[in-house]
Amino acid sequence: MADKKTHDVKPHDVKPHDVKPMKPEEILNLIHANRGTAICVPTMTTGPHWRTIAPDDLSVGCVGFMGGASSLGLGLALAQPDRRVLVLDGDGSLLMQLGSLATVAGAAPRNLVHFLFKNGVYHTSGAQGIPGGLTVDFVAMAKGAGYRMVCAIYDIEDFKRRLPEILKAEGPVFVELHTGLADQTPMTARGGVPFPKQVSDLRAKLLKPRARA
Protein backbone atom coordinates (compact mmCIF):
# COMPACT_ATOMS: atom_id res chain seq x y z
CA MET A 1 0.00 0.00 0.00
CA ALA A 2 1.29 3.42 -0.92
CA ASP A 3 0.65 4.96 2.51
CA LYS A 4 2.30 2.13 4.43
CA LYS A 5 5.67 3.17 5.80
CA THR A 6 8.13 1.19 7.84
CA HIS A 7 10.65 3.11 9.91
CA ASP A 8 13.00 2.89 12.85
CA VAL A 9 12.27 5.21 15.73
CA LYS A 10 15.86 4.85 16.94
CA PRO A 11 19.04 3.81 15.11
CA HIS A 12 19.51 0.05 15.49
CA ASP A 13 23.20 0.31 16.29
CA VAL A 14 23.60 -0.60 19.96
CA LYS A 15 25.08 -4.03 20.62
CA PRO A 16 23.57 -6.39 23.21
CA HIS A 17 26.79 -6.54 25.24
CA ASP A 18 27.02 -2.74 25.54
CA VAL A 19 24.46 -2.52 28.34
CA LYS A 20 23.11 -4.65 31.18
CA PRO A 21 20.10 -6.69 30.03
CA MET A 22 16.72 -5.49 31.26
CA LYS A 23 14.73 -7.56 33.75
CA PRO A 24 11.62 -9.03 32.10
CA GLU A 25 9.60 -8.41 35.26
CA GLU A 26 10.40 -4.68 35.21
CA ILE A 27 9.32 -4.45 31.58
CA LEU A 28 6.07 -6.32 32.27
CA ASN A 29 5.32 -4.08 35.26
CA LEU A 30 5.68 -0.99 33.06
CA ILE A 31 3.49 -2.46 30.31
CA HIS A 32 0.90 -3.41 32.91
CA ALA A 33 0.85 0.11 34.35
CA ASN A 34 0.44 1.74 30.93
CA ARG A 35 -1.69 -0.75 29.00
CA GLY A 36 -5.09 0.83 29.69
CA THR A 37 -7.82 -1.39 28.23
CA ALA A 38 -5.52 -3.28 25.86
CA ILE A 39 -5.84 -7.03 25.35
CA CYS A 40 -2.55 -8.72 26.27
CA VAL A 41 -1.16 -12.01 24.94
CA PRO A 42 1.72 -13.30 27.10
CA THR A 43 3.57 -16.48 26.22
CA MET A 44 6.20 -18.75 27.76
CA THR A 45 8.41 -16.87 30.27
CA THR A 46 6.30 -13.71 30.18
CA GLY A 47 3.33 -15.75 31.41
CA PRO A 48 4.06 -16.46 35.10
CA HIS A 49 4.75 -12.86 36.13
CA TRP A 50 1.89 -11.52 34.02
CA ARG A 51 -0.52 -13.89 35.78
CA THR A 52 0.63 -12.42 39.08
CA ILE A 53 0.31 -8.74 38.22
CA ALA A 54 -2.73 -8.91 35.92
CA PRO A 55 -4.86 -11.89 36.95
CA ASP A 56 -8.23 -10.44 35.94
CA ASP A 57 -7.50 -8.14 33.02
CA LEU A 58 -8.11 -8.71 29.30
CA SER A 59 -5.41 -11.33 28.83
CA VAL A 60 -5.14 -14.70 27.15
CA GLY A 61 -1.93 -16.67 27.50
CA CYS A 62 -0.52 -18.45 24.48
CA VAL A 63 0.02 -21.92 25.96
CA GLY A 64 0.31 -25.27 24.25
CA PHE A 65 1.26 -23.88 20.84
CA MET A 66 4.74 -22.39 20.99
CA GLY A 67 5.21 -19.59 18.49
CA GLY A 68 1.52 -18.79 18.20
CA ALA A 69 1.39 -15.57 20.25
CA SER A 70 1.67 -13.17 17.31
CA SER A 71 -0.96 -15.08 15.31
CA LEU A 72 -3.30 -15.15 18.30
CA GLY A 73 -2.70 -11.43 18.81
CA LEU A 74 -3.36 -10.76 15.13
CA GLY A 75 -6.74 -12.48 15.28
CA LEU A 76 -7.71 -10.47 18.35
CA ALA A 77 -6.53 -7.22 16.77
CA LEU A 78 -8.61 -7.81 13.65
CA ALA A 79 -11.66 -8.80 15.70
CA GLN A 80 -11.32 -5.83 18.08
CA PRO A 81 -10.08 -2.95 15.87
CA ASP A 82 -11.02 -0.30 18.45
CA ARG A 83 -8.88 -1.83 21.19
CA ARG A 84 -5.09 -2.16 21.46
CA VAL A 85 -3.62 -5.66 21.43
CA LEU A 86 -0.19 -6.23 23.01
CA VAL A 87 1.72 -9.42 22.21
CA LEU A 88 4.37 -10.36 24.81
CA ASP A 89 6.46 -12.75 22.74
CA GLY A 90 9.79 -14.53 23.15
CA ASP A 91 12.64 -14.96 20.67
CA GLY A 92 12.62 -18.75 20.90
CA SER A 93 8.86 -18.76 20.37
CA LEU A 94 8.92 -16.43 17.39
CA LEU A 95 11.60 -18.53 15.70
CA MET A 96 9.03 -21.35 15.60
CA GLN A 97 6.69 -19.23 13.47
CA LEU A 98 8.78 -16.61 11.63
CA GLY A 99 6.24 -16.55 8.84
CA SER A 100 3.85 -14.80 11.21
CA LEU A 101 5.85 -11.60 10.75
CA ALA A 102 4.82 -11.44 7.10
CA THR A 103 1.25 -12.43 7.97
CA VAL A 104 0.94 -9.66 10.57
CA ALA A 105 2.53 -7.08 8.28
CA GLY A 106 0.29 -8.10 5.41
CA ALA A 107 -2.85 -7.74 7.51
CA ALA A 108 -1.50 -4.40 8.80
CA PRO A 109 -3.54 -4.12 12.03
CA ARG A 110 -3.16 -0.54 13.22
CA ASN A 111 -3.89 -1.55 16.83
CA LEU A 112 -1.23 -4.27 17.31
CA VAL A 113 2.02 -3.91 19.26
CA HIS A 114 4.38 -6.91 19.13
CA PHE A 115 6.88 -6.90 22.01
CA LEU A 116 9.70 -9.44 21.64
CA PHE A 117 11.61 -10.42 24.80
CA LYS A 118 15.03 -11.37 23.45
CA ASN A 119 17.37 -13.39 25.68
CA GLY A 120 18.96 -15.77 23.18
CA VAL A 121 17.77 -19.01 24.80
CA TYR A 122 14.84 -21.38 25.14
CA HIS A 123 14.46 -20.54 28.82
CA THR A 124 11.38 -22.65 29.56
CA SER A 125 12.98 -25.94 28.47
CA GLY A 126 16.34 -25.39 30.18
CA ALA A 127 17.97 -22.27 28.69
CA GLN A 128 19.39 -24.00 25.62
CA GLY A 129 20.66 -21.49 23.08
CA ILE A 130 18.35 -20.63 20.20
CA PRO A 131 19.73 -20.90 16.63
CA GLY A 132 21.86 -17.80 16.10
CA GLY A 133 21.67 -16.76 19.75
CA LEU A 134 21.71 -13.01 20.26
CA THR A 135 22.95 -12.35 16.73
CA VAL A 136 19.50 -12.94 15.21
CA ASP A 137 18.20 -9.54 14.09
CA PHE A 138 14.43 -9.68 14.54
CA VAL A 139 14.17 -5.93 13.97
CA ALA A 140 15.53 -6.33 10.43
CA MET A 141 13.12 -9.22 9.83
CA ALA A 142 10.10 -7.25 11.04
CA LYS A 143 11.14 -4.21 9.03
CA GLY A 144 11.64 -6.33 5.93
CA ALA A 145 8.27 -8.00 6.45
CA GLY A 146 6.57 -4.61 6.49
CA TYR A 147 5.79 -3.64 10.09
CA ARG A 148 4.99 0.08 10.18
CA MET A 149 7.26 0.84 13.13
CA VAL A 150 10.21 -1.18 14.42
CA CYS A 151 12.83 -0.59 17.10
CA ALA A 152 15.17 -2.27 19.56
CA ILE A 153 15.47 -1.18 23.19
CA TYR A 154 18.28 -2.15 25.56
CA ASP A 155 17.86 0.13 28.58
CA ILE A 156 14.97 0.24 31.06
CA GLU A 157 15.03 4.03 31.35
CA ASP A 158 14.84 4.30 27.57
CA PHE A 159 11.92 1.89 27.60
CA LYS A 160 10.11 3.96 30.24
CA ARG A 161 10.57 7.07 28.15
CA ARG A 162 9.43 5.54 24.89
CA LEU A 163 6.61 3.26 26.04
CA PRO A 164 3.82 5.89 25.81
CA GLU A 165 4.82 6.65 22.21
CA ILE A 166 4.96 2.94 21.36
CA LEU A 167 1.49 2.27 22.77
CA LYS A 168 -0.02 5.13 20.75
CA ALA A 169 1.81 4.50 17.48
CA GLU A 170 0.05 3.24 14.37
CA GLY A 171 0.64 -0.47 14.05
CA PRO A 172 1.72 -3.00 13.46
CA VAL A 173 4.57 -2.07 15.79
CA PHE A 174 7.52 -4.36 16.58
CA VAL A 175 9.73 -3.78 19.65
CA GLU A 176 12.76 -5.98 20.33
CA LEU A 177 13.56 -5.87 24.06
CA HIS A 178 16.98 -7.10 25.16
CA THR A 179 16.47 -8.87 28.46
CA GLY A 180 18.01 -11.26 30.92
CA LEU A 181 16.21 -14.39 32.10
CA ALA A 182 12.88 -14.22 33.90
CA ASP A 183 12.72 -15.27 37.55
CA GLN A 184 10.20 -18.00 36.71
CA THR A 185 9.15 -20.07 33.72
CA PRO A 186 6.00 -22.13 33.03
CA MET A 187 7.98 -25.13 34.24
CA THR A 188 8.85 -23.61 37.64
CA ALA A 189 5.56 -21.74 38.13
CA ARG A 190 2.93 -24.22 37.09
CA GLY A 191 -0.76 -23.59 37.32
CA GLY A 192 -2.85 -20.82 35.89
CA VAL A 193 -6.18 -20.94 34.10
CA PRO A 194 -6.50 -23.54 31.28
CA PHE A 195 -6.41 -22.00 27.81
CA PRO A 196 -10.04 -22.85 26.85
CA LYS A 197 -11.25 -21.15 30.05
CA GLN A 198 -9.08 -18.10 29.34
CA VAL A 199 -10.62 -17.82 25.87
CA SER A 200 -14.20 -18.12 27.11
CA ASP A 201 -13.57 -15.61 29.92
CA LEU A 202 -11.98 -13.11 27.55
CA ARG A 203 -14.84 -13.49 25.07
CA ALA A 204 -17.39 -12.82 27.81
CA LYS A 205 -15.53 -9.69 28.90
CA LEU A 206 -15.25 -8.37 25.36
CA LEU A 207 -18.95 -8.89 24.71
CA LYS A 208 -19.89 -6.64 27.63
CA PRO A 209 -20.73 -3.03 26.66
CA ARG A 210 -17.76 -0.75 27.27
CA ALA A 211 -18.17 1.78 30.05
CA ARG A 212 -18.81 5.31 28.89
CA ALA A 213 -16.20 7.88 29.87
C-alpha atoms as a PDB file:
ATOM      1  CA  MET A   1       0.000   0.000   0.000  1.00  0.00           C
ATOM      2  CA  ALA A   2       1.291   3.422  -0.918  1.00  0.00           C
ATOM      3  CA  ASP A   3       0.651   4.957   2.512  1.00  0.00           C
ATOM      4  CA  LYS A   4       2.301   2.127   4.430  1.00  0.00           C
ATOM      5  CA  LYS A   5       5.672   3.168   5.800  1.00  0.00           C
ATOM      6  CA  THR A   6       8.135   1.186   7.844  1.00  0.00           C
ATOM      7  CA  HIS A   7      10.647   3.111   9.912  1.00  0.00           C
ATOM      8  CA  ASP A   8      13.001   2.888  12.851  1.00  0.00           C
ATOM      9  CA  VAL A   9      12.271   5.214  15.727  1.00  0.00           C
ATOM     10  CA  LYS A  10      15.855   4.846  16.937  1.00  0.00           C
ATOM     11  CA  PRO A  11      19.040   3.810  15.108  1.00  0.00           C
ATOM     12  CA  HIS A  12      19.509   0.055  15.489  1.00  0.00           C
ATOM     13  CA  ASP A  13      23.203   0.307  16.286  1.00  0.00           C
ATOM     14  CA  VAL A  14      23.604  -0.598  19.962  1.00  0.00           C
ATOM     15  CA  LYS A  15      25.082  -4.033  20.616  1.00  0.00           C
ATOM     16  CA  PRO A  16      23.570  -6.387  23.214  1.00  0.00           C
ATOM     17  CA  HIS A  17      26.785  -6.537  25.239  1.00  0.00           C
ATOM     18  CA  ASP A  18      27.021  -2.742  25.538  1.00  0.00           C
ATOM     19  CA  VAL A  19      24.457  -2.524  28.342  1.00  0.00           C
ATOM     20  CA  LYS A  20      23.114  -4.653  31.182  1.00  0.00           C
ATOM     21  CA  PRO A  21      20.097  -6.690  30.027  1.00  0.00           C
ATOM     22  CA  MET A  22      16.725  -5.491  31.261  1.00  0.00           C
ATOM     23  CA  LYS A  23      14.734  -7.563  33.747  1.00  0.00           C
ATOM     24  CA  PRO A  24      11.622  -9.030  32.102  1.00  0.00           C
ATOM     25  CA  GLU A  25       9.602  -8.410  35.258  1.00  0.00           C
ATOM     26  CA  GLU A  26      10.403  -4.677  35.212  1.00  0.00           C
ATOM     27  CA  ILE A  27       9.319  -4.453  31.578  1.00  0.00           C
ATOM     28  CA  LEU A  28       6.072  -6.322  32.270  1.00  0.00           C
ATOM     29  CA  ASN A  29       5.318  -4.078  35.259  1.00  0.00           C
ATOM     30  CA  LEU A  30       5.678  -0.994  33.058  1.00  0.00           C
ATOM     31  CA  ILE A  31       3.492  -2.456  30.311  1.00  0.00           C
ATOM     32  CA  HIS A  32       0.895  -3.411  32.911  1.00  0.00           C
ATOM     33  CA  ALA A  33       0.847   0.107  34.347  1.00  0.00           C
ATOM     34  CA  ASN A  34       0.443   1.736  30.934  1.00  0.00           C
ATOM     35  CA  ARG A  35      -1.693  -0.747  28.998  1.00  0.00           C
ATOM     36  CA  GLY A  36      -5.087   0.833  29.695  1.00  0.00           C
ATOM     37  CA  THR A  37      -7.816  -1.390  28.232  1.00  0.00           C
ATOM     38  CA  ALA A  38      -5.525  -3.278  25.861  1.00  0.00           C
ATOM     39  CA  ILE A  39      -5.836  -7.028  25.348  1.00  0.00           C
ATOM     40  CA  CYS A  40      -2.548  -8.720  26.270  1.00  0.00           C
ATOM     41  CA  VAL A  41      -1.157 -12.009  24.939  1.00  0.00           C
ATOM     42  CA  PRO A  42       1.718 -13.301  27.103  1.00  0.00           C
ATOM     43  CA  THR A  43       3.571 -16.479  26.221  1.00  0.00           C
ATOM     44  CA  MET A  44       6.203 -18.747  27.757  1.00  0.00           C
ATOM     45  CA  THR A  45       8.413 -16.865  30.274  1.00  0.00           C
ATOM     46  CA  THR A  46       6.296 -13.709  30.181  1.00  0.00           C
ATOM     47  CA  GLY A  47       3.334 -15.748  31.410  1.00  0.00           C
ATOM     48  CA  PRO A  48       4.059 -16.460  35.100  1.00  0.00           C
ATOM     49  CA  HIS A  49       4.751 -12.858  36.135  1.00  0.00           C
ATOM     50  CA  TRP A  50       1.888 -11.516  34.020  1.00  0.00           C
ATOM     51  CA  ARG A  51      -0.522 -13.891  35.781  1.00  0.00           C
ATOM     52  CA  THR A  52       0.627 -12.418  39.084  1.00  0.00           C
ATOM     53  CA  ILE A  53       0.314  -8.743  38.216  1.00  0.00           C
ATOM     54  CA  ALA A  54      -2.727  -8.907  35.918  1.00  0.00           C
ATOM     55  CA  PRO A  55      -4.865 -11.894  36.951  1.00  0.00           C
ATOM     56  CA  ASP A  56      -8.226 -10.439  35.944  1.00  0.00           C
ATOM     57  CA  ASP A  57      -7.500  -8.145  33.020  1.00  0.00           C
ATOM     58  CA  LEU A  58      -8.114  -8.708  29.300  1.00  0.00           C
ATOM     59  CA  SER A  59      -5.414 -11.334  28.829  1.00  0.00           C
ATOM     60  CA  VAL A  60      -5.145 -14.698  27.148  1.00  0.00           C
ATOM     61  CA  GLY A  61      -1.933 -16.666  27.502  1.00  0.00           C
ATOM     62  CA  CYS A  62      -0.524 -18.454  24.481  1.00  0.00           C
ATOM     63  CA  VAL A  63       0.018 -21.920  25.964  1.00  0.00           C
ATOM     64  CA  GLY A  64       0.313 -25.268  24.248  1.00  0.00           C
ATOM     65  CA  PHE A  65       1.259 -23.881  20.839  1.00  0.00           C
ATOM     66  CA  MET A  66       4.737 -22.389  20.994  1.00  0.00           C
ATOM     67  CA  GLY A  67       5.207 -19.595  18.488  1.00  0.00           C
ATOM     68  CA  GLY A  68       1.521 -18.794  18.197  1.00  0.00           C
ATOM     69  CA  ALA A  69       1.392 -15.575  20.250  1.00  0.00           C
ATOM     70  CA  SER A  70       1.665 -13.172  17.308  1.00  0.00           C
ATOM     71  CA  SER A  71      -0.958 -15.079  15.311  1.00  0.00           C
ATOM     72  CA  LEU A  72      -3.303 -15.146  18.304  1.00  0.00           C
ATOM     73  CA  GLY A  73      -2.699 -11.428  18.808  1.00  0.00           C
ATOM     74  CA  LEU A  74      -3.365 -10.756  15.126  1.00  0.00           C
ATOM     75  CA  GLY A  75      -6.742 -12.476  15.282  1.00  0.00           C
ATOM     76  CA  LEU A  76      -7.713 -10.466  18.349  1.00  0.00           C
ATOM     77  CA  ALA A  77      -6.527  -7.217  16.768  1.00  0.00           C
ATOM     78  CA  LEU A  78      -8.611  -7.812  13.654  1.00  0.00           C
ATOM     79  CA  ALA A  79     -11.660  -8.804  15.699  1.00  0.00           C
ATOM     80  CA  GLN A  80     -11.319  -5.833  18.075  1.00  0.00           C
ATOM     81  CA  PRO A  81     -10.081  -2.948  15.871  1.00  0.00           C
ATOM     82  CA  ASP A  82     -11.018  -0.302  18.447  1.00  0.00           C
ATOM     83  CA  ARG A  83      -8.876  -1.828  21.186  1.00  0.00           C
ATOM     84  CA  ARG A  84      -5.091  -2.159  21.461  1.00  0.00           C
ATOM     85  CA  VAL A  85      -3.618  -5.664  21.434  1.00  0.00           C
ATOM     86  CA  LEU A  86      -0.193  -6.226  23.009  1.00  0.00           C
ATOM     87  CA  VAL A  87       1.716  -9.419  22.213  1.00  0.00           C
ATOM     88  CA  LEU A  88       4.368 -10.356  24.813  1.00  0.00           C
ATOM     89  CA  ASP A  89       6.461 -12.746  22.738  1.00  0.00           C
ATOM     90  CA  GLY A  90       9.795 -14.531  23.153  1.00  0.00           C
ATOM     91  CA  ASP A  91      12.639 -14.958  20.666  1.00  0.00           C
ATOM     92  CA  GLY A  92      12.622 -18.748  20.902  1.00  0.00           C
ATOM     93  CA  SER A  93       8.865 -18.762  20.371  1.00  0.00           C
ATOM     94  CA  LEU A  94       8.924 -16.425  17.390  1.00  0.00           C
ATOM     95  CA  LEU A  95      11.600 -18.532  15.704  1.00  0.00           C
ATOM     96  CA  MET A  96       9.033 -21.349  15.603  1.00  0.00           C
ATOM     97  CA  GLN A  97       6.695 -19.226  13.468  1.00  0.00           C
ATOM     98  CA  LEU A  98       8.783 -16.609  11.632  1.00  0.00           C
ATOM     99  CA  GLY A  99       6.240 -16.545   8.839  1.00  0.00           C
ATOM    100  CA  SER A 100       3.848 -14.804  11.210  1.00  0.00           C
ATOM    101  CA  LEU A 101       5.853 -11.597  10.746  1.00  0.00           C
ATOM    102  CA  ALA A 102       4.820 -11.439   7.103  1.00  0.00           C
ATOM    103  CA  THR A 103       1.251 -12.432   7.972  1.00  0.00           C
ATOM    104  CA  VAL A 104       0.940  -9.656  10.572  1.00  0.00           C
ATOM    105  CA  ALA A 105       2.532  -7.077   8.282  1.00  0.00           C
ATOM    106  CA  GLY A 106       0.291  -8.098   5.408  1.00  0.00           C
ATOM    107  CA  ALA A 107      -2.853  -7.744   7.515  1.00  0.00           C
ATOM    108  CA  ALA A 108      -1.503  -4.397   8.805  1.00  0.00           C
ATOM    109  CA  PRO A 109      -3.537  -4.117  12.030  1.00  0.00           C
ATOM    110  CA  ARG A 110      -3.161  -0.535  13.225  1.00  0.00           C
ATOM    111  CA  ASN A 111      -3.886  -1.547  16.835  1.00  0.00           C
ATOM    112  CA  LEU A 112      -1.233  -4.273  17.312  1.00  0.00           C
ATOM    113  CA  VAL A 113       2.022  -3.910  19.263  1.00  0.00           C
ATOM    114  CA  HIS A 114       4.377  -6.906  19.129  1.00  0.00           C
ATOM    115  CA  PHE A 115       6.875  -6.902  22.012  1.00  0.00           C
ATOM    116  CA  LEU A 116       9.700  -9.437  21.642  1.00  0.00           C
ATOM    117  CA  PHE A 117      11.611 -10.415  24.801  1.00  0.00           C
ATOM    118  CA  LYS A 118      15.025 -11.371  23.448  1.00  0.00           C
ATOM    119  CA  ASN A 119      17.373 -13.387  25.683  1.00  0.00           C
ATOM    120  CA  GLY A 120      18.963 -15.769  23.183  1.00  0.00           C
ATOM    121  CA  VAL A 121      17.772 -19.007  24.805  1.00  0.00           C
ATOM    122  CA  TYR A 122      14.837 -21.384  25.142  1.00  0.00           C
ATOM    123  CA  HIS A 123      14.461 -20.539  28.817  1.00  0.00           C
ATOM    124  CA  THR A 124      11.381 -22.650  29.564  1.00  0.00           C
ATOM    125  CA  SER A 125      12.983 -25.937  28.472  1.00  0.00           C
ATOM    126  CA  GLY A 126      16.339 -25.391  30.182  1.00  0.00           C
ATOM    127  CA  ALA A 127      17.972 -22.270  28.692  1.00  0.00           C
ATOM    128  CA  GLN A 128      19.387 -24.000  25.616  1.00  0.00           C
ATOM    129  CA  GLY A 129      20.662 -21.486  23.079  1.00  0.00           C
ATOM    130  CA  ILE A 130      18.352 -20.631  20.197  1.00  0.00           C
ATOM    131  CA  PRO A 131      19.732 -20.901  16.633  1.00  0.00           C
ATOM    132  CA  GLY A 132      21.855 -17.805  16.100  1.00  0.00           C
ATOM    133  CA  GLY A 133      21.674 -16.761  19.749  1.00  0.00           C
ATOM    134  CA  LEU A 134      21.709 -13.005  20.263  1.00  0.00           C
ATOM    135  CA  THR A 135      22.952 -12.352  16.729  1.00  0.00           C
ATOM    136  CA  VAL A 136      19.499 -12.937  15.206  1.00  0.00           C
ATOM    137  CA  ASP A 137      18.196  -9.540  14.086  1.00  0.00           C
ATOM    138  CA  PHE A 138      14.433  -9.678  14.541  1.00  0.00           C
ATOM    139  CA  VAL A 139      14.169  -5.930  13.974  1.00  0.00           C
ATOM    140  CA  ALA A 140      15.532  -6.331  10.433  1.00  0.00           C
ATOM    141  CA  MET A 141      13.121  -9.221   9.830  1.00  0.00           C
ATOM    142  CA  ALA A 142      10.101  -7.249  11.040  1.00  0.00           C
ATOM    143  CA  LYS A 143      11.143  -4.212   9.033  1.00  0.00           C
ATOM    144  CA  GLY A 144      11.638  -6.328   5.930  1.00  0.00           C
ATOM    145  CA  ALA A 145       8.266  -7.997   6.451  1.00  0.00           C
ATOM    146  CA  GLY A 146       6.570  -4.612   6.495  1.00  0.00           C
ATOM    147  CA  TYR A 147       5.786  -3.640  10.094  1.00  0.00           C
ATOM    148  CA  ARG A 148       4.989   0.079  10.176  1.00  0.00           C
ATOM    149  CA  MET A 149       7.255   0.838  13.135  1.00  0.00           C
ATOM    150  CA  VAL A 150      10.209  -1.183  14.418  1.00  0.00           C
ATOM    151  CA  CYS A 151      12.830  -0.589  17.104  1.00  0.00           C
ATOM    152  CA  ALA A 152      15.172  -2.266  19.559  1.00  0.00           C
ATOM    153  CA  ILE A 153      15.470  -1.177  23.192  1.00  0.00           C
ATOM    154  CA  TYR A 154      18.280  -2.146  25.555  1.00  0.00           C
ATOM    155  CA  ASP A 155      17.856   0.129  28.581  1.00  0.00           C
ATOM    156  CA  ILE A 156      14.966   0.235  31.055  1.00  0.00           C
ATOM    157  CA  GLU A 157      15.031   4.029  31.346  1.00  0.00           C
ATOM    158  CA  ASP A 158      14.845   4.305  27.568  1.00  0.00           C
ATOM    159  CA  PHE A 159      11.917   1.885  27.604  1.00  0.00           C
ATOM    160  CA  LYS A 160      10.108   3.960  30.243  1.00  0.00           C
ATOM    161  CA  ARG A 161      10.566   7.069  28.150  1.00  0.00           C
ATOM    162  CA  ARG A 162       9.425   5.541  24.886  1.00  0.00           C
ATOM    163  CA  LEU A 163       6.614   3.264  26.037  1.00  0.00           C
ATOM    164  CA  PRO A 164       3.817   5.890  25.813  1.00  0.00           C
ATOM    165  CA  GLU A 165       4.815   6.650  22.207  1.00  0.00           C
ATOM    166  CA  ILE A 166       4.960   2.943  21.359  1.00  0.00           C
ATOM    167  CA  LEU A 167       1.493   2.269  22.773  1.00  0.00           C
ATOM    168  CA  LYS A 168      -0.025   5.126  20.754  1.00  0.00           C
ATOM    169  CA  ALA A 169       1.811   4.502  17.479  1.00  0.00           C
ATOM    170  CA  GLU A 170       0.052   3.244  14.375  1.00  0.00           C
ATOM    171  CA  GLY A 171       0.640  -0.473  14.046  1.00  0.00           C
ATOM    172  CA  PRO A 172       1.723  -3.003  13.456  1.00  0.00           C
ATOM    173  CA  VAL A 173       4.575  -2.069  15.795  1.00  0.00           C
ATOM    174  CA  PHE A 174       7.519  -4.358  16.579  1.00  0.00           C
ATOM    175  CA  VAL A 175       9.727  -3.775  19.647  1.00  0.00           C
ATOM    176  CA  GLU A 176      12.756  -5.979  20.328  1.00  0.00           C
ATOM    177  CA  LEU A 177      13.562  -5.872  24.060  1.00  0.00           C
ATOM    178  CA  HIS A 178      16.981  -7.099  25.159  1.00  0.00           C
ATOM    179  CA  THR A 179      16.466  -8.873  28.463  1.00  0.00           C
ATOM    180  CA  GLY A 180      18.009 -11.260  30.924  1.00  0.00           C
ATOM    181  CA  LEU A 181      16.205 -14.392  32.101  1.00  0.00           C
ATOM    182  CA  ALA A 182      12.879 -14.221  33.905  1.00  0.00           C
ATOM    183  CA  ASP A 183      12.717 -15.269  37.550  1.00  0.00           C
ATOM    184  CA  GLN A 184      10.201 -17.995  36.706  1.00  0.00           C
ATOM    185  CA  THR A 185       9.146 -20.071  33.718  1.00  0.00           C
ATOM    186  CA  PRO A 186       5.995 -22.125  33.026  1.00  0.00           C
ATOM    187  CA  MET A 187       7.984 -25.134  34.239  1.00  0.00           C
ATOM    188  CA  THR A 188       8.845 -23.614  37.635  1.00  0.00           C
ATOM    189  CA  ALA A 189       5.563 -21.737  38.135  1.00  0.00           C
ATOM    190  CA  ARG A 190       2.932 -24.221  37.086  1.00  0.00           C
ATOM    191  CA  GLY A 191      -0.757 -23.591  37.319  1.00  0.00           C
ATOM    192  CA  GLY A 192      -2.850 -20.822  35.890  1.00  0.00           C
ATOM    193  CA  VAL A 193      -6.178 -20.943  34.095  1.00  0.00           C
ATOM    194  CA  PRO A 194      -6.504 -23.543  31.283  1.00  0.00           C
ATOM    195  CA  PHE A 195      -6.409 -22.005  27.813  1.00  0.00           C
ATOM    196  CA  PRO A 196     -10.038 -22.847  26.853  1.00  0.00           C
ATOM    197  CA  LYS A 197     -11.246 -21.153  30.050  1.00  0.00           C
ATOM    198  CA  GLN A 198      -9.076 -18.101  29.341  1.00  0.00           C
ATOM    199  CA  VAL A 199     -10.616 -17.819  25.873  1.00  0.00           C
ATOM    200  CA  SER A 200     -14.202 -18.121  27.110  1.00  0.00           C
ATOM    201  CA  ASP A 201     -13.567 -15.614  29.916  1.00  0.00           C
ATOM    202  CA  LEU A 202     -11.980 -13.106  27.546  1.00  0.00           C
ATOM    203  CA  ARG A 203     -14.838 -13.489  25.073  1.00  0.00           C
ATOM    204  CA  ALA A 204     -17.393 -12.823  27.806  1.00  0.00           C
ATOM    205  CA  LYS A 205     -15.534  -9.688  28.905  1.00  0.00           C
ATOM    206  CA  LEU A 206     -15.250  -8.368  25.363  1.00  0.00           C
ATOM    207  CA  LEU A 207     -18.954  -8.891  24.707  1.00  0.00           C
ATOM    208  CA  LYS A 208     -19.892  -6.645  27.628  1.00  0.00           C
ATOM    209  CA  PRO A 209     -20.726  -3.030  26.661  1.00  0.00           C
ATOM    210  CA  ARG A 210     -17.757  -0.753  27.270  1.00  0.00           C
ATOM    211  CA  ALA A 211     -18.174   1.775  30.053  1.00  0.00           C
ATOM    212  CA  ARG A 212     -18.811   5.314  28.886  1.00  0.00           C
ATOM    213  CA  ALA A 213     -16.205   7.884  29.870  1.00  0.00           C
END
